[in-house]
Protein backbone atom coordinates (compact mmCIF):
# COMPACT_ATOMS: atom_id res chain seq x y z
CA MET A 1 216.25 27.42 318.45
CA GLU A 2 216.11 27.89 314.79
CA LEU A 3 219.19 28.27 313.34
CA GLY A 4 217.78 28.99 309.87
CA LEU A 5 220.15 26.66 308.12
CA ASN A 6 217.79 23.85 306.59
CA GLY A 7 218.45 24.09 302.96
CA ARG A 8 222.17 26.01 303.31
CA LYS A 9 225.04 24.96 300.86
CA ALA A 10 228.42 24.39 302.87
CA VAL A 11 232.12 23.92 301.25
CA ILE A 12 234.31 22.42 304.63
CA ALA A 13 237.83 22.37 303.40
CA GLY A 14 239.80 19.76 305.21
CA GLY A 15 236.48 18.08 305.61
CA SER A 16 236.99 14.10 305.80
CA ARG A 17 237.94 13.88 309.35
CA GLY A 18 239.15 15.86 312.71
CA ILE A 19 237.44 19.08 313.19
CA GLY A 20 236.40 19.17 309.59
CA LYS A 21 235.05 16.20 309.79
CA ALA A 22 232.78 16.99 313.06
CA VAL A 23 231.69 20.18 311.44
CA ALA A 24 230.56 18.89 308.10
CA LEU A 25 228.21 16.23 309.82
CA ALA A 26 226.73 18.74 312.81
CA LEU A 27 225.66 20.87 310.11
CA ALA A 28 224.33 18.44 308.12
CA ARG A 29 222.33 17.16 311.20
CA GLU A 30 220.92 20.93 310.86
CA GLY A 31 220.07 21.03 307.25
CA VAL A 32 222.80 21.81 305.17
CA ASP A 33 223.86 20.16 302.67
CA VAL A 34 227.67 19.89 302.56
CA ALA A 35 231.10 19.59 300.35
CA LEU A 36 233.79 18.00 301.74
CA SER A 37 237.31 18.68 300.32
CA ALA A 38 240.55 17.34 301.37
CA ARG A 39 243.65 15.67 299.52
CA ASN A 40 242.71 12.04 300.06
CA ALA A 41 239.87 11.11 298.12
CA ASP A 42 238.74 7.63 299.71
CA GLU A 43 239.15 8.80 302.94
CA LEU A 44 237.06 11.68 301.96
CA ALA A 45 235.10 9.27 300.00
CA GLY A 46 234.37 7.37 303.88
CA ALA A 47 233.32 10.56 305.88
CA ALA A 48 230.97 11.86 302.91
CA ARG A 49 229.05 8.56 302.92
CA GLU A 50 228.75 8.50 306.58
CA ILE A 51 227.62 11.96 307.03
CA ALA A 52 224.87 11.14 304.45
CA ASP A 53 224.20 7.60 306.02
CA ALA A 54 223.61 9.32 309.55
CA THR A 55 221.25 12.82 308.16
CA GLY A 56 220.02 12.06 305.01
CA ARG A 57 221.62 15.21 303.63
CA LYS A 58 223.21 15.41 300.09
CA ALA A 59 227.21 14.69 301.16
CA LEU A 60 229.78 15.42 298.30
CA ALA A 61 233.20 14.43 298.55
CA ILE A 62 235.32 16.38 296.41
CA ALA A 63 239.25 15.79 296.50
CA CYS A 64 241.33 19.19 296.45
CA ASP A 65 245.32 19.79 297.18
CA VAL A 66 244.40 23.50 298.81
CA THR A 67 247.99 24.90 297.81
CA SER A 68 246.56 24.95 293.87
CA ARG A 69 244.76 28.49 293.39
CA GLU A 70 243.10 26.17 290.12
CA ALA A 71 242.50 23.34 291.90
CA VAL A 72 240.53 25.80 294.84
CA GLU A 73 238.74 27.74 292.10
CA ALA A 74 237.66 24.39 290.35
CA MET A 75 236.97 22.59 293.63
CA ILE A 76 234.10 25.89 294.51
CA ALA A 77 233.50 26.28 291.42
CA GLU A 78 232.53 22.03 291.59
CA ALA A 79 230.94 22.00 294.60
CA ALA A 80 228.44 25.24 294.25
CA ASP A 81 226.83 23.34 290.61
CA ARG A 82 226.17 20.40 292.14
CA LEU A 83 224.81 21.49 295.44
CA GLY A 84 222.71 24.48 294.00
CA GLY A 85 224.88 27.38 295.71
CA LEU A 86 227.19 27.99 298.52
CA HIS A 87 226.35 29.97 301.46
CA ILE A 88 229.00 28.60 304.04
CA LEU A 89 232.87 28.16 304.59
CA VAL A 90 234.71 26.16 306.98
CA ASN A 91 238.15 26.48 306.51
CA SER A 92 239.82 23.33 308.41
CA ALA A 93 242.45 21.87 306.02
CA ALA A 94 245.46 22.27 307.63
CA SER A 95 248.18 19.09 309.41
CA PRO A 96 247.39 19.86 313.13
CA GLY A 97 250.22 21.69 314.72
CA GLY A 98 252.37 21.59 311.04
CA SER A 99 255.53 20.30 309.94
CA PRO A 100 257.71 18.83 313.09
CA THR A 101 260.57 20.46 310.76
CA ALA A 102 259.22 23.49 310.30
CA THR A 103 257.88 24.11 314.80
CA GLY A 104 260.90 23.71 317.09
CA ALA A 105 264.32 25.91 317.28
CA ILE A 106 264.64 28.49 314.72
CA ASP A 107 267.64 26.75 314.07
CA THR A 108 265.87 23.45 313.36
CA ILE A 109 263.36 24.69 311.08
CA VAL A 110 263.43 23.26 307.51
CA GLU A 111 262.07 26.69 305.68
CA GLU A 112 260.52 24.95 302.45
CA ASP A 113 258.36 22.58 305.85
CA PHE A 114 257.89 26.04 307.50
CA LEU A 115 255.97 27.56 303.80
CA LYS A 116 254.59 24.70 303.03
CA ASP A 117 252.45 24.77 305.95
CA PHE A 118 252.04 28.85 305.85
CA ASP A 119 250.71 27.56 301.76
CA THR A 120 247.96 25.13 303.29
CA LYS A 121 246.51 26.47 305.90
CA TYR A 122 246.68 30.23 305.58
CA LEU A 123 247.05 30.99 301.66
CA GLY A 124 244.57 27.86 301.01
CA ALA A 125 242.09 29.36 303.31
CA LEU A 126 242.69 32.84 301.17
CA ARG A 127 241.90 30.69 297.88
CA CYS A 128 239.08 28.68 299.45
CA ALA A 129 237.44 32.20 300.30
CA ARG A 130 238.66 34.18 297.23
CA ALA A 131 236.99 31.89 295.54
CA ALA A 132 233.82 31.61 297.75
CA ILE A 133 232.74 35.22 297.92
CA ALA A 134 231.34 35.63 294.48
CA HIS A 135 228.65 33.06 295.67
CA MET A 136 227.70 34.41 298.23
CA LYS A 137 227.82 37.34 297.23
CA LYS A 138 225.14 36.67 294.60
CA ALA A 139 222.86 34.60 297.35
CA GLY A 140 222.91 38.47 299.51
CA TRP A 141 224.18 35.90 302.69
CA GLY A 142 227.28 33.91 303.54
CA ARG A 143 229.75 32.78 306.33
CA ILE A 144 232.84 31.90 307.14
CA ILE A 145 234.36 30.59 309.40
CA ASN A 146 238.17 29.82 309.65
CA ILE A 147 239.87 27.26 312.08
CA SER A 148 242.58 28.35 313.48
CA GLY A 149 244.50 27.63 316.70
CA GLY A 150 245.91 28.48 320.24
CA ASN A 151 249.27 28.52 318.90
CA ALA A 152 248.62 31.83 317.72
CA ARG A 153 248.35 32.75 321.70
CA THR A 154 251.74 30.66 322.80
CA PRO A 155 254.83 30.87 322.03
CA GLY A 156 256.94 28.31 320.73
CA ASN A 157 255.48 26.24 317.86
CA LEU A 158 257.12 29.55 314.90
CA SER A 159 255.19 27.29 312.09
CA GLY A 160 251.77 27.12 314.21
CA GLY A 161 251.69 30.70 315.94
CA ALA A 162 253.02 32.46 312.14
CA ARG A 163 249.97 30.39 310.38
CA ASN A 164 247.68 30.96 313.06
CA THR A 165 248.15 34.70 313.89
CA ALA A 166 248.20 35.07 310.29
CA LEU A 167 244.59 33.57 309.62
CA VAL A 168 243.02 35.71 312.56
CA HIS A 169 244.21 38.67 310.94
CA LEU A 170 242.87 37.61 307.61
CA SER A 171 239.17 36.37 308.91
CA ARG A 172 239.04 40.74 310.43
CA THR A 173 239.93 41.97 307.35
CA LEU A 174 237.81 40.10 305.33
CA ALA A 175 234.62 40.50 307.73
CA LEU A 176 235.09 44.23 307.06
CA GLN A 177 235.42 44.49 303.56
CA PHE A 178 232.23 42.00 303.13
CA GLY A 179 230.02 42.42 306.03
CA ARG A 180 227.80 44.98 304.01
CA ASP A 181 227.83 41.98 301.69
CA GLY A 182 225.91 39.85 303.96
CA ILE A 183 228.85 37.72 304.75
CA THR A 184 230.55 37.33 307.96
CA VAL A 185 233.76 36.39 308.79
CA ASN A 186 234.95 34.66 312.24
CA CYS A 187 237.95 32.90 313.67
CA ILE A 188 238.51 30.14 315.59
CA HIS A 189 241.13 28.79 318.10
CA PRO A 190 240.59 25.05 319.05
CA GLY A 191 242.45 24.27 322.24
CA PRO A 192 243.67 19.95 322.31
CA THR A 193 240.58 18.14 321.24
CA ARG A 194 239.50 14.52 321.07
CA THR A 195 239.20 13.98 317.05
CA GLU A 196 240.11 9.91 315.69
CA ARG A 197 243.65 9.97 316.34
CA THR A 198 243.47 11.47 320.08
CA PRO A 199 243.20 7.41 321.01
CA ARG A 200 245.86 6.20 319.06
CA LEU A 201 248.31 9.66 320.55
CA LEU A 202 247.12 8.89 324.40
CA ALA A 203 248.16 4.90 323.63
CA GLU A 204 251.70 6.07 322.56
CA ARG A 205 252.08 7.84 325.45
CA ALA A 206 250.78 5.60 327.88
CA ALA A 207 253.28 3.05 326.38
CA ARG A 208 256.10 5.50 326.90
CA LEU A 209 255.34 6.28 330.80
CA GLY A 210 253.79 2.82 331.44
CA VAL A 211 250.52 4.01 332.31
CA THR A 212 247.01 3.69 330.86
CA PRO A 213 245.58 6.19 328.48
CA GLN A 214 242.99 7.01 330.74
CA GLU A 215 245.65 7.89 333.39
CA VAL A 216 247.60 10.32 330.99
CA GLU A 217 244.70 12.40 330.14
CA GLN A 218 243.84 12.34 333.33
CA ARG A 219 247.21 13.77 334.38
CA ASP A 220 247.56 16.67 331.19
CA TYR A 221 243.89 17.97 332.79
CA ALA A 222 244.38 18.07 336.24
CA GLU A 223 245.03 21.11 338.24
CA GLY A 224 248.66 22.24 337.22
CA GLY A 225 248.56 19.89 334.68
CA PRO A 226 250.55 20.06 331.27
CA ARG A 227 246.78 21.01 329.36
CA ALA A 228 244.87 21.61 332.19
CA ASN A 229 241.91 23.72 331.89
CA ALA A 230 238.29 25.16 333.40
CA ILE A 231 236.65 22.38 332.59
CA GLY A 232 238.78 19.91 333.60
CA ARG A 233 238.57 17.59 330.08
CA MET A 234 239.45 17.00 326.79
CA VAL A 235 237.23 19.58 324.61
CA ASP A 236 235.38 16.91 322.00
CA ALA A 237 235.43 18.07 318.30
CA ALA A 238 231.86 17.76 318.15
CA GLU A 239 231.36 20.98 321.17
CA VAL A 240 233.73 22.59 318.51
CA ALA A 241 231.19 21.98 315.96
CA GLU A 242 228.87 23.16 317.33
CA LEU A 243 230.14 26.48 318.06
CA VAL A 244 230.82 26.50 313.95
CA VAL A 245 227.05 25.37 313.44
CA PHE A 246 226.03 28.90 315.39
CA LEU A 247 228.00 31.46 314.06
CA ALA A 248 226.79 29.42 310.43
CA SER A 249 223.81 30.35 311.75
CA ASP A 250 221.46 33.47 311.23
CA ARG A 251 221.48 33.92 314.75
CA ALA A 252 225.00 35.14 314.29
CA GLY A 253 224.38 37.71 312.16
CA ALA A 254 226.28 40.35 314.40
CA VAL A 255 228.99 38.60 315.13
CA THR A 256 231.75 39.20 312.18
CA GLY A 257 235.38 39.70 312.69
CA GLU A 258 235.21 37.97 316.32
CA LEU A 259 237.85 35.47 317.66
CA ILE A 260 236.22 32.44 320.05
CA SER A 261 238.30 30.16 321.50
CA PRO A 262 236.63 26.62 322.50
CA ASN A 263 238.99 25.49 324.59
CA GLY A 264 237.32 24.60 327.67
CA GLY A 265 238.68 27.77 329.47
CA ALA A 266 241.97 27.51 329.22
CA GLY A 267 245.27 30.32 330.14
CA SER A 268 245.19 32.28 332.60
CA ALA A 269 245.37 35.12 330.81
CA VAL A 270 242.53 38.02 330.64
CA TYR A 271 241.46 39.18 327.38
CA TYR A 272 239.56 42.47 326.91
């Protein structure tokens, strides 16, 4: 299937690792030139080199803290200038799950950490979108994909639920505001996803339980397990990235303002 992505230009906020890095690699494999943004300049540069070497596409590393409007606007401007335009924005900048002091019982919440989580994920996405939309309107074509998370649908994680739910609202609002400019905006709710940090986390749990990491994962995804889903296994970051690639493509031009959950069919609720 021809996706119409060859020659497009993309910014991936939070592109140095995890889902963001997987998205950048998948887009570059489809012929997209990418600019990766994150706070850790060394890690970012390594990810950009890896993607460029693997795909032959231009991959820029532009360090940026998305809690600063000035830094975001400078990053987007530099990316558009060096890439020769901007068509795609993927917002994936945030700590998975949120700060430990902003996610637990209400009497343990540290408000400053809660607000920092929200400032990074929700306002960070808003800042990036606000700066990128002008370039997309100029091109008459744009795609914004916001990486949210299943905590929006699952009670318990106060910070994760608040910021992820708000990101869904932002996505729908921007879709309605800019659809006639050729810009689509969609949101993704990944569930537990295999990334670079997964082996370490599984090993730590395995050591506490006195079993192997493989046994921990099998128990998690077995029927009745704490992370059970319809496919019986953890979803890989590359699989989430493939969904992003489709939403960023010409083929998804009629899909906007939507929320999609590449979580392996987790949960038992019916959505309509």
